Amino acid sequence: MSGMSKPRLWPAFVLEPLARVDAEARAFLASAPSRHPDRKVITVLVTAALCLTAQHYVAMSDTLVPLARTLRSLGLGAAADWLTATMWSGPDAQLHRLTWWATVSLLAYVAVPAAVVRYAFGEAPRDYGVKLAGAFRDWWVYVVMFSVAGPLIVLFSAEAGFQETYPFYHLAPGERPGANLGLWEALYFAQFFGVEFFFRGFLLHGTRQRFGAYAIFVMMVPYCMLHFQKPLPECLASIVGAVVLGFMSLRTRSIWMGTAIHVSVAASMDLASLWRQGFLP
């Protein structure tokens, strides 16, 4: 019986959902609307490009100095002084910079795409993966993913580049994990919902009507590029992660378990790095 179950598992688990998505795409391509410019795909991809540009050029802490300079040139010296003092002075300055990054990221990854879905397409965000129905189906896949990622995290956490990167909230020598680190982790985890909604929701489901299952690879490219400033092993792993999580989003039409694995891996990376640096027993 075990020998017979394997052939059935592959078609039922992998091939059937991919065939369903491709059938939907073929039906669209055979319809009259497909012979006109695909405004939906154009809107999704242009919006994605603009949101990623904003996330890079506005959210990053090294853009705050030019922003303060621009405010000063506009005669907004008081605003520039407040920005400089908030982001670079005082014991909570690091947390303020990271909060800025997380806030801008959530606006770019969630607020803008959700507005496009609702007001430009007249659709609901739940159709882009934000639904609980079926979210925990095939939960064992994520257990397998984490069982593979966990040992690799422990292994690579010994590298200096890993410890220099994680956690993003850097503890000073002798400092113990406290409220600021906890607040940052909460923001960090919320940001991963944004990442999943943007890539495995908005980009993937916004283009699958045109590209079918190949929408996974359309989404994979910018997701990999998002990791260019991360350690090389993580960047390479993002390619595999994008394909697997993209497939699972197409299969379940939900991003919630993808968010769960993302948060679990990120938390493990931060804990492993803190442990290696001696901040945890």
C-alpha atoms as a PDB file:
ATOM      1  CA  MET A   1       0.000   0.000   0.000  1.00  0.00           C
ATOM      2  CA  SER A   2       2.828   2.421   0.802  1.00  0.00           C
ATOM      3  CA  GLY A   3       4.239   1.904  -2.676  1.00  0.00           C
ATOM      4  CA  MET A   4       0.872   2.836  -4.170  1.00  0.00           C
ATOM      5  CA  SER A   5       0.358   5.935  -2.024  1.00  0.00           C
ATOM      6  CA  LYS A   6       3.418   7.802  -3.310  1.00  0.00           C
ATOM      7  CA  PRO A   7       2.295   8.027  -6.960  1.00  0.00           C
ATOM      8  CA  ARG A   8      -1.085   9.320  -5.797  1.00  0.00           C
ATOM      9  CA  LEU A   9       0.435  11.898  -3.458  1.00  0.00           C
ATOM     10  CA  TRP A  10       2.416  13.685  -6.162  1.00  0.00           C
ATOM     11  CA  PRO A  11      -0.514  14.221  -8.578  1.00  0.00           C
ATOM     12  CA  ALA A  12      -2.964  15.122  -5.813  1.00  0.00           C
ATOM     13  CA  PHE A  13      -0.681  17.402  -3.852  1.00  0.00           C
ATOM     14  CA  VAL A  14       1.416  19.081  -6.566  1.00  0.00           C
ATOM     15  CA  LEU A  15       0.062  18.524 -10.053  1.00  0.00           C
ATOM     16  CA  GLU A  16      -3.646  19.034  -9.406  1.00  0.00           C
ATOM     17  CA  PRO A  17      -3.396  22.551  -7.881  1.00  0.00           C
ATOM     18  CA  LEU A  18      -0.950  23.618 -10.593  1.00  0.00           C
ATOM     19  CA  ALA A  19      -3.282  22.239 -13.264  1.00  0.00           C
ATOM     20  CA  ARG A  20      -6.188  24.117 -11.678  1.00  0.00           C
ATOM     21  CA  VAL A  21      -4.294  27.408 -11.766  1.00  0.00           C
ATOM     22  CA  ASP A  22      -3.162  26.839 -15.341  1.00  0.00           C
ATOM     23  CA  ALA A  23      -6.737  25.978 -16.378  1.00  0.00           C
ATOM     24  CA  GLU A  24      -7.923  29.286 -14.923  1.00  0.00           C
ATOM     25  CA  ALA A  25      -5.192  31.112 -16.833  1.00  0.00           C
ATOM     26  CA  ARG A  26      -6.026  29.321 -20.107  1.00  0.00           C
ATOM     27  CA  ALA A  27      -9.709  30.179 -19.669  1.00  0.00           C
ATOM     28  CA  PHE A  28      -8.792  33.829 -19.221  1.00  0.00           C
ATOM     29  CA  LEU A  29      -6.410  33.828 -22.202  1.00  0.00           C
ATOM     30  CA  ALA A  30      -9.214  32.341 -24.345  1.00  0.00           C
ATOM     31  CA  SER A  31     -11.623  35.085 -23.315  1.00  0.00           C
ATOM     32  CA  ALA A  32     -12.227  38.402 -25.081  1.00  0.00           C
ATOM     33  CA  PRO A  33     -10.780  40.582 -22.250  1.00  0.00           C
ATOM     34  CA  SER A  34      -7.379  38.906 -22.634  1.00  0.00           C
ATOM     35  CA  ARG A  35      -7.052  40.396 -26.127  1.00  0.00           C
ATOM     36  CA  HIS A  36      -6.896  43.869 -24.639  1.00  0.00           C
ATOM     37  CA  PRO A  37      -4.058  45.327 -22.546  1.00  0.00           C
ATOM     38  CA  ASP A  38      -4.099  43.552 -19.188  1.00  0.00           C
ATOM     39  CA  ARG A  39      -4.597  46.554 -16.943  1.00  0.00           C
ATOM     40  CA  LYS A  40      -4.681  44.409 -13.828  1.00  0.00           C
ATOM     41  CA  VAL A  41      -1.255  42.862 -14.399  1.00  0.00           C
ATOM     42  CA  ILE A  42       0.183  46.224 -15.415  1.00  0.00           C
ATOM     43  CA  THR A  43      -1.249  47.849 -12.284  1.00  0.00           C
ATOM     44  CA  VAL A  44       0.033  45.075 -10.013  1.00  0.00           C
ATOM     45  CA  LEU A  45       3.566  45.140 -11.421  1.00  0.00           C
ATOM     46  CA  VAL A  46       3.883  48.937 -11.555  1.00  0.00           C
ATOM     47  CA  THR A  47       2.465  49.230  -8.025  1.00  0.00           C
ATOM     48  CA  ALA A  48       4.911  46.564  -6.837  1.00  0.00           C
ATOM     49  CA  ALA A  49       7.840  48.405  -8.426  1.00  0.00           C
ATOM     50  CA  LEU A  50       6.824  51.721  -6.837  1.00  0.00           C
ATOM     51  CA  CYS A  51       6.234  50.139  -3.416  1.00  0.00           C
ATOM     52  CA  LEU A  52       9.603  48.362  -3.470  1.00  0.00           C
ATOM     53  CA  THR A  53      11.274  51.616  -4.523  1.00  0.00           C
ATOM     54  CA  ALA A  54       9.615  53.468  -1.642  1.00  0.00           C
ATOM     55  CA  GLN A  55      10.555  50.716   0.787  1.00  0.00           C
ATOM     56  CA  HIS A  56      14.203  50.955  -0.278  1.00  0.00           C
ATOM     57  CA  TYR A  57      14.597  54.721  -0.592  1.00  0.00           C
ATOM     58  CA  VAL A  58      12.312  55.861   2.233  1.00  0.00           C
ATOM     59  CA  ALA A  59      12.336  53.118   4.870  1.00  0.00           C
ATOM     60  CA  MET A  60      16.078  52.570   5.191  1.00  0.00           C
ATOM     61  CA  SER A  61      17.827  54.448   7.991  1.00  0.00           C
ATOM     62  CA  ASP A  62      20.514  55.832   5.664  1.00  0.00           C
ATOM     63  CA  THR A  63      17.773  57.783   3.834  1.00  0.00           C
ATOM     64  CA  LEU A  64      16.858  59.750   6.969  1.00  0.00           C
ATOM     65  CA  VAL A  65      19.815  62.123   6.709  1.00  0.00           C
ATOM     66  CA  PRO A  66      18.925  63.161   3.119  1.00  0.00           C
ATOM     67  CA  LEU A  67      15.294  63.458   4.232  1.00  0.00           C
ATOM     68  CA  ALA A  68      16.274  65.834   7.044  1.00  0.00           C
ATOM     69  CA  ARG A  69      18.380  67.810   4.572  1.00  0.00           C
ATOM     70  CA  THR A  70      15.422  68.060   2.192  1.00  0.00           C
ATOM     71  CA  LEU A  71      13.135  69.266   4.979  1.00  0.00           C
ATOM     72  CA  ARG A  72      15.664  71.935   5.892  1.00  0.00           C
ATOM     73  CA  SER A  73      15.935  73.089   2.271  1.00  0.00           C
ATOM     74  CA  LEU A  74      12.133  73.482   2.220  1.00  0.00           C
ATOM     75  CA  GLY A  75      12.288  75.776   5.225  1.00  0.00           C
ATOM     76  CA  LEU A  76      11.077  73.098   7.622  1.00  0.00           C
ATOM     77  CA  GLY A  77      14.007  73.377   9.998  1.00  0.00           C
ATOM     78  CA  ALA A  78      11.967  72.446  13.074  1.00  0.00           C
ATOM     79  CA  ALA A  79      10.786  69.215  11.425  1.00  0.00           C
ATOM     80  CA  ALA A  80      14.342  68.435  10.356  1.00  0.00           C
ATOM     81  CA  ASP A  81      15.614  69.016  13.896  1.00  0.00           C
ATOM     82  CA  TRP A  82      12.880  66.786  15.349  1.00  0.00           C
ATOM     83  CA  LEU A  83      13.655  64.044  12.840  1.00  0.00           C
ATOM     84  CA  THR A  84      17.390  64.200  13.566  1.00  0.00           C
ATOM     85  CA  ALA A  85      16.891  64.205  17.334  1.00  0.00           C
ATOM     86  CA  THR A  86      14.341  61.386  17.261  1.00  0.00           C
ATOM     87  CA  MET A  87      16.276  59.099  14.958  1.00  0.00           C
ATOM     88  CA  TRP A  88      19.856  59.730  16.074  1.00  0.00           C
ATOM     89  CA  SER A  89      19.805  60.994  19.669  1.00  0.00           C
ATOM     90  CA  GLY A  90      18.709  59.422  22.935  1.00  0.00           C
ATOM     91  CA  PRO A  91      18.640  55.854  24.238  1.00  0.00           C
ATOM     92  CA  ASP A  92      15.688  54.848  22.036  1.00  0.00           C
ATOM     93  CA  ALA A  93      17.035  56.226  18.752  1.00  0.00           C
ATOM     94  CA  GLN A  94      17.788  52.757  17.343  1.00  0.00           C
ATOM     95  CA  LEU A  95      14.239  51.616  18.112  1.00  0.00           C
ATOM     96  CA  HIS A  96      12.846  54.758  16.469  1.00  0.00           C
ATOM     97  CA  ARG A  97      14.788  54.066  13.269  1.00  0.00           C
ATOM     98  CA  LEU A  98      13.624  50.473  13.183  1.00  0.00           C
ATOM     99  CA  THR A  99      10.033  51.550  13.886  1.00  0.00           C
ATOM    100  CA  TRP A 100      10.272  53.938  10.939  1.00  0.00           C
ATOM    101  CA  TRP A 101      11.492  51.061   8.735  1.00  0.00           C
ATOM    102  CA  ALA A 102       8.719  48.716   9.873  1.00  0.00           C
ATOM    103  CA  THR A 103       6.018  51.373   9.472  1.00  0.00           C
ATOM    104  CA  VAL A 104       7.054  52.384   5.968  1.00  0.00           C
ATOM    105  CA  SER A 105       7.416  48.707   5.034  1.00  0.00           C
ATOM    106  CA  LEU A 106       3.875  47.930   6.217  1.00  0.00           C
ATOM    107  CA  LEU A 107       2.524  50.889   4.273  1.00  0.00           C
ATOM    108  CA  ALA A 108       4.341  49.726   1.136  1.00  0.00           C
ATOM    109  CA  TYR A 109       3.604  46.027   1.559  1.00  0.00           C
ATOM    110  CA  VAL A 110       0.035  46.169   2.884  1.00  0.00           C
ATOM    111  CA  ALA A 111      -1.723  49.540   2.835  1.00  0.00           C
ATOM    112  CA  VAL A 112      -0.988  50.526  -0.770  1.00  0.00           C
ATOM    113  CA  PRO A 113      -1.563  47.071  -2.347  1.00  0.00           C
ATOM    114  CA  ALA A 114      -4.733  46.549  -0.287  1.00  0.00           C
ATOM    115  CA  ALA A 115      -6.038  49.919  -1.482  1.00  0.00           C
ATOM    116  CA  VAL A 116      -5.309  48.938  -5.083  1.00  0.00           C
ATOM    117  CA  VAL A 117      -7.097  45.617  -4.617  1.00  0.00           C
ATOM    118  CA  ARG A 118     -10.138  47.266  -3.043  1.00  0.00           C
ATOM    119  CA  TYR A 119     -10.516  50.464  -5.066  1.00  0.00           C
ATOM    120  CA  ALA A 120      -8.801  49.788  -8.406  1.00  0.00           C
ATOM    121  CA  PHE A 121      -9.893  46.157  -8.827  1.00  0.00           C
ATOM    122  CA  GLY A 122     -13.063  46.176  -6.713  1.00  0.00           C
ATOM    123  CA  GLU A 123     -11.926  42.952  -5.034  1.00  0.00           C
ATOM    124  CA  ALA A 124     -11.391  41.836  -1.447  1.00  0.00           C
ATOM    125  CA  PRO A 125      -7.980  41.262   0.170  1.00  0.00           C
ATOM    126  CA  ARG A 126      -9.212  37.812   1.246  1.00  0.00           C
ATOM    127  CA  ASP A 127      -8.987  36.823  -2.436  1.00  0.00           C
ATOM    128  CA  TYR A 128      -5.282  37.607  -2.228  1.00  0.00           C
ATOM    129  CA  GLY A 129      -4.533  35.164   0.563  1.00  0.00           C
ATOM    130  CA  VAL A 130      -5.932  37.012   3.583  1.00  0.00           C
ATOM    131  CA  LYS A 131      -8.410  34.359   4.589  1.00  0.00           C
ATOM    132  CA  LEU A 132      -8.463  31.820   7.395  1.00  0.00           C
ATOM    133  CA  ALA A 133     -10.426  29.117   5.573  1.00  0.00           C
ATOM    134  CA  GLY A 134      -7.911  26.485   4.531  1.00  0.00           C
ATOM    135  CA  ALA A 135      -5.038  28.363   6.113  1.00  0.00           C
ATOM    136  CA  PHE A 136      -3.907  25.399   8.212  1.00  0.00           C
ATOM    137  CA  ARG A 137      -4.372  22.794   5.542  1.00  0.00           C
ATOM    138  CA  ASP A 138      -1.167  20.924   4.763  1.00  0.00           C
ATOM    139  CA  TRP A 139       0.397  22.203   7.973  1.00  0.00           C
ATOM    140  CA  TRP A 140       2.898  19.361   7.855  1.00  0.00           C
ATOM    141  CA  VAL A 141       4.666  21.019   4.911  1.00  0.00           C
ATOM    142  CA  TYR A 142       5.624  23.933   7.121  1.00  0.00           C
ATOM    143  CA  VAL A 143       6.776  21.564   9.862  1.00  0.00           C
ATOM    144  CA  VAL A 144       9.050  19.893   7.304  1.00  0.00           C
ATOM    145  CA  MET A 145      10.311  23.298   6.121  1.00  0.00           C
ATOM    146  CA  PHE A 146      11.163  24.391   9.648  1.00  0.00           C
ATOM    147  CA  SER A 147      12.795  21.056  10.454  1.00  0.00           C
ATOM    148  CA  VAL A 148      15.118  21.693   7.497  1.00  0.00           C
ATOM    149  CA  ALA A 149      15.661  25.395   8.248  1.00  0.00           C
ATOM    150  CA  GLY A 150      16.269  24.960  11.997  1.00  0.00           C
ATOM    151  CA  PRO A 151      19.583  23.070  11.835  1.00  0.00           C
ATOM    152  CA  LEU A 152      20.823  25.352   9.049  1.00  0.00           C
ATOM    153  CA  ILE A 153      20.057  28.393  11.194  1.00  0.00           C
ATOM    154  CA  VAL A 154      22.094  26.970  14.065  1.00  0.00           C
ATOM    155  CA  LEU A 155      24.935  26.160  11.658  1.00  0.00           C
ATOM    156  CA  PHE A 156      25.114  29.521   9.910  1.00  0.00           C
ATOM    157  CA  SER A 157      24.571  31.495  13.124  1.00  0.00           C
ATOM    158  CA  ALA A 158      28.227  30.797  13.947  1.00  0.00           C
ATOM    159  CA  GLU A 159      29.324  33.063  11.066  1.00  0.00           C
ATOM    160  CA  ALA A 160      30.351  36.637  11.853  1.00  0.00           C
ATOM    161  CA  GLY A 161      28.223  38.052   9.029  1.00  0.00           C
ATOM    162  CA  PHE A 162      25.139  36.395  10.465  1.00  0.00           C
ATOM    163  CA  GLN A 163      25.775  37.813  13.940  1.00  0.00           C
ATOM    164  CA  GLU A 164      26.436  41.286  12.496  1.00  0.00           C
ATOM    165  CA  THR A 165      23.064  41.188  10.731  1.00  0.00           C
ATOM    166  CA  TYR A 166      20.757  39.652  13.351  1.00  0.00           C
ATOM    167  CA  PRO A 167      18.898  40.742  15.274  1.00  0.00           C
ATOM    168  CA  PHE A 168      18.348  44.081  13.542  1.00  0.00           C
ATOM    169  CA  TYR A 169      18.015  45.615  17.000  1.00  0.00           C
ATOM    170  CA  HIS A 170      21.628  45.460  18.161  1.00  0.00           C
ATOM    171  CA  LEU A 171      22.236  45.045  21.863  1.00  0.00           C
ATOM    172  CA  ALA A 172      25.169  46.889  23.390  1.00  0.00           C
ATOM    173  CA  PRO A 173      27.905  44.827  25.109  1.00  0.00           C
ATOM    174  CA  GLY A 174      26.602  43.764  28.502  1.00  0.00           C
ATOM    175  CA  GLU A 175      23.044  44.808  27.711  1.00  0.00           C
ATOM    176  CA  ARG A 176      20.325  42.290  28.451  1.00  0.00           C
ATOM    177  CA  PRO A 177      17.306  41.674  26.214  1.00  0.00           C
ATOM    178  CA  GLY A 178      14.520  43.961  27.374  1.00  0.00           C
ATOM    179  CA  ALA A 179      11.387  45.876  26.430  1.00  0.00           C
ATOM    180  CA  ASN A 180      12.895  47.613  23.386  1.00  0.00           C
ATOM    181  CA  LEU A 181      13.999  44.324  21.887  1.00  0.00           C
ATOM    182  CA  GLY A 182      10.566  42.829  22.600  1.00  0.00           C
ATOM    183  CA  LEU A 183       8.796  45.776  20.955  1.00  0.00           C
ATOM    184  CA  TRP A 184      11.076  45.526  17.950  1.00  0.00           C
ATOM    185  CA  GLU A 185      10.397  41.799  17.552  1.00  0.00           C
ATOM    186  CA  ALA A 186       6.642  42.485  17.566  1.00  0.00           C
ATOM    187  CA  LEU A 187       7.082  45.061  14.776  1.00  0.00           C
ATOM    188  CA  TYR A 188       9.423  42.698  12.942  1.00  0.00           C
ATOM    189  CA  PHE A 189       6.888  39.879  13.022  1.00  0.00           C
ATOM    190  CA  ALA A 190       4.084  42.180  11.844  1.00  0.00           C
ATOM    191  CA  GLN A 191       6.287  43.186   8.937  1.00  0.00           C
ATOM    192  CA  PHE A 192       6.431  39.543   7.834  1.00  0.00           C
ATOM    193  CA  PHE A 193       2.670  39.540   7.361  1.00  0.00           C
ATOM    194  CA  GLY A 194       3.294  42.476   5.041  1.00  0.00           C
ATOM    195  CA  VAL A 195       5.984  40.575   3.154  1.00  0.00           C
ATOM    196  CA  GLU A 196       3.715  37.569   2.666  1.00  0.00           C
ATOM    197  CA  PHE A 197       0.731  39.685   1.615  1.00  0.00           C
ATOM    198  CA  PHE A 198       2.854  41.630  -0.859  1.00  0.00           C
ATOM    199  CA  PHE A 199       4.704  38.721  -2.500  1.00  0.00           C
ATOM    200  CA  ARG A 200       2.566  35.614  -1.939  1.00  0.00           C
ATOM    201  CA  GLY A 201      -0.685  37.585  -2.034  1.00  0.00           C
ATOM    202  CA  PHE A 202      -0.709  40.739  -4.156  1.00  0.00           C
ATOM    203  CA  LEU A 203       2.042  39.868  -6.655  1.00  0.00           C
ATOM    204  CA  LEU A 204       1.233  36.180  -6.961  1.00  0.00           C
ATOM    205  CA  HIS A 205      -2.560  36.242  -7.076  1.00  0.00           C
ATOM    206  CA  GLY A 206      -2.586  39.502  -8.980  1.00  0.00           C
ATOM    207  CA  THR A 207      -0.714  37.922 -11.906  1.00  0.00           C
ATOM    208  CA  ARG A 208      -1.807  34.254 -11.840  1.00  0.00           C
ATOM    209  CA  GLN A 209      -4.767  34.961 -14.126  1.00  0.00           C
ATOM    210  CA  ARG A 210      -2.307  35.958 -16.857  1.00  0.00           C
ATOM    211  CA  PHE A 211       0.695  33.741 -16.077  1.00  0.00           C
ATOM    212  CA  GLY A 212      -0.846  30.741 -14.326  1.00  0.00           C
ATOM    213  CA  ALA A 213       1.623  28.811 -12.161  1.00  0.00           C
ATOM    214  CA  TYR A 214       4.477  30.825 -13.686  1.00  0.00           C
ATOM    215  CA  ALA A 215       3.315  33.716 -11.503  1.00  0.00           C
ATOM    216  CA  ILE A 216       5.379  31.993  -8.795  1.00  0.00           C
ATOM    217  CA  PHE A 217       8.550  32.826 -10.702  1.00  0.00           C
ATOM    218  CA  VAL A 218       7.397  36.347 -11.523  1.00  0.00           C
ATOM    219  CA  MET A 219       7.124  36.888  -7.757  1.00  0.00           C
ATOM    220  CA  MET A 220      10.356  35.023  -6.996  1.00  0.00           C
ATOM    221  CA  VAL A 221      12.678  37.484  -8.754  1.00  0.00           C
ATOM    222  CA  PRO A 222      11.919  40.650  -6.735  1.00  0.00           C
ATOM    223  CA  TYR A 223      11.684  38.555  -3.560  1.00  0.00           C
ATOM    224  CA  CYS A 224      15.225  37.292  -4.121  1.00  0.00           C
ATOM    225  CA  MET A 225      16.438  40.843  -4.847  1.00  0.00           C
ATOM    226  CA  LEU A 226      14.953  41.952  -1.526  1.00  0.00           C
ATOM    227  CA  HIS A 227      17.598  39.747   0.123  1.00  0.00           C
ATOM    228  CA  PHE A 228      20.639  41.177  -1.688  1.00  0.00           C
ATOM    229  CA  GLN A 229      21.815  42.919   1.495  1.00  0.00           C
ATOM    230  CA  LYS A 230      21.477  39.717   3.538  1.00  0.00           C
ATOM    231  CA  PRO A 231      24.110  36.970   3.955  1.00  0.00           C
ATOM    232  CA  LEU A 232      24.577  34.918   0.764  1.00  0.00           C
ATOM    233  CA  PRO A 233      23.124  31.646   2.168  1.00  0.00           C
ATOM    234  CA  GLU A 234      19.937  33.482   3.145  1.00  0.00           C
ATOM    235  CA  CYS A 235      19.680  35.109  -0.272  1.00  0.00           C
ATOM    236  CA  LEU A 236      20.003  31.745  -2.016  1.00  0.00           C
ATOM    237  CA  ALA A 237      17.508  30.186   0.398  1.00  0.00           C
ATOM    238  CA  SER A 238      15.027  32.948  -0.461  1.00  0.00           C
ATOM    239  CA  ILE A 239      14.773  31.551  -4.003  1.00  0.00           C
ATOM    240  CA  VAL A 240      13.717  28.145  -2.706  1.00  0.00           C
ATOM    241  CA  GLY A 241      11.464  29.718  -0.084  1.00  0.00           C
ATOM    242  CA  ALA A 242       9.731  31.890  -2.668  1.00  0.00           C
ATOM    243  CA  VAL A 243       8.936  28.904  -4.878  1.00  0.00           C
ATOM    244  CA  VAL A 244       7.700  26.674  -2.037  1.00  0.00           C
ATOM    245  CA  LEU A 245       5.648  29.363  -0.285  1.00  0.00           C
ATOM    246  CA  GLY A 246       4.338  30.602  -3.615  1.00  0.00           C
ATOM    247  CA  PHE A 247       3.163  27.116  -4.511  1.00  0.00           C
ATOM    248  CA  MET A 248       1.538  26.690  -1.104  1.00  0.00           C
ATOM    249  CA  SER A 249      -0.258  30.021  -1.493  1.00  0.00           C
ATOM    250  CA  LEU A 250      -1.613  28.904  -4.858  1.00  0.00           C
ATOM    251  CA  ARG A 251      -2.633  25.570  -3.370  1.00  0.00           C
ATOM    252  CA  THR A 252      -4.373  26.863  -0.226  1.00  0.00           C
ATOM    253  CA  ARG A 253      -5.176  30.420  -1.427  1.00  0.00           C
ATOM    254  CA  SER A 254      -3.918  31.599   1.980  1.00  0.00           C
ATOM    255  CA  ILE A 255      -0.764  33.362   3.197  1.00  0.00           C
ATOM    256  CA  TRP A 256      -1.185  32.705   6.925  1.00  0.00           C
ATOM    257  CA  MET A 257       0.915  29.581   7.272  1.00  0.00           C
ATOM    258  CA  GLY A 258       3.570  31.216   5.109  1.00  0.00           C
ATOM    259  CA  THR A 259       3.540  34.083   7.591  1.00  0.00           C
ATOM    260  CA  ALA A 260       3.844  31.564  10.432  1.00  0.00           C
ATOM    261  CA  ILE A 261       6.926  29.865   8.968  1.00  0.00           C
ATOM    262  CA  HIS A 262       8.471  33.243   8.164  1.00  0.00           C
ATOM    263  CA  VAL A 263       8.000  34.448  11.740  1.00  0.00           C
ATOM    264  CA  SER A 264       9.246  31.149  13.166  1.00  0.00           C
ATOM    265  CA  VAL A 265      12.410  31.220  11.078  1.00  0.00           C
ATOM    266  CA  ALA A 266      13.054  34.913  11.826  1.00  0.00           C
ATOM    267  CA  ALA A 267      12.587  34.397  15.573  1.00  0.00           C
ATOM    268  CA  SER A 268      14.929  31.410  15.482  1.00  0.00           C
ATOM    269  CA  MET A 269      17.552  33.424  13.616  1.00  0.00           C
ATOM    270  CA  ASP A 270      17.444  36.232  16.166  1.00  0.00           C
ATOM    271  CA  LEU A 271      17.561  33.828  19.107  1.00  0.00           C
ATOM    272  CA  ALA A 272      20.430  31.851  17.580  1.00  0.00           C
ATOM    273  CA  SER A 273      22.397  35.043  16.947  1.00  0.00           C
ATOM    274  CA  LEU A 274      21.779  36.372  20.469  1.00  0.00           C
ATOM    275  CA  TRP A 275      22.865  33.011  21.867  1.00  0.00           C
ATOM    276  CA  ARG A 276      26.060  33.019  19.793  1.00  0.00           C
ATOM    277  CA  GLN A 277      26.838  36.559  20.938  1.00  0.00           C
ATOM    278  CA  GLY A 278      26.408  35.595  24.599  1.00  0.00           C
ATOM    279  CA  PHE A 279      23.239  37.569  25.283  1.00  0.00           C
ATOM    280  CA  LEU A 280      21.299  34.382  26.052  1.00  0.00           C
ATOM    281  CA  PRO A 281      22.372  31.549  28.355  1.00  0.00           C
END
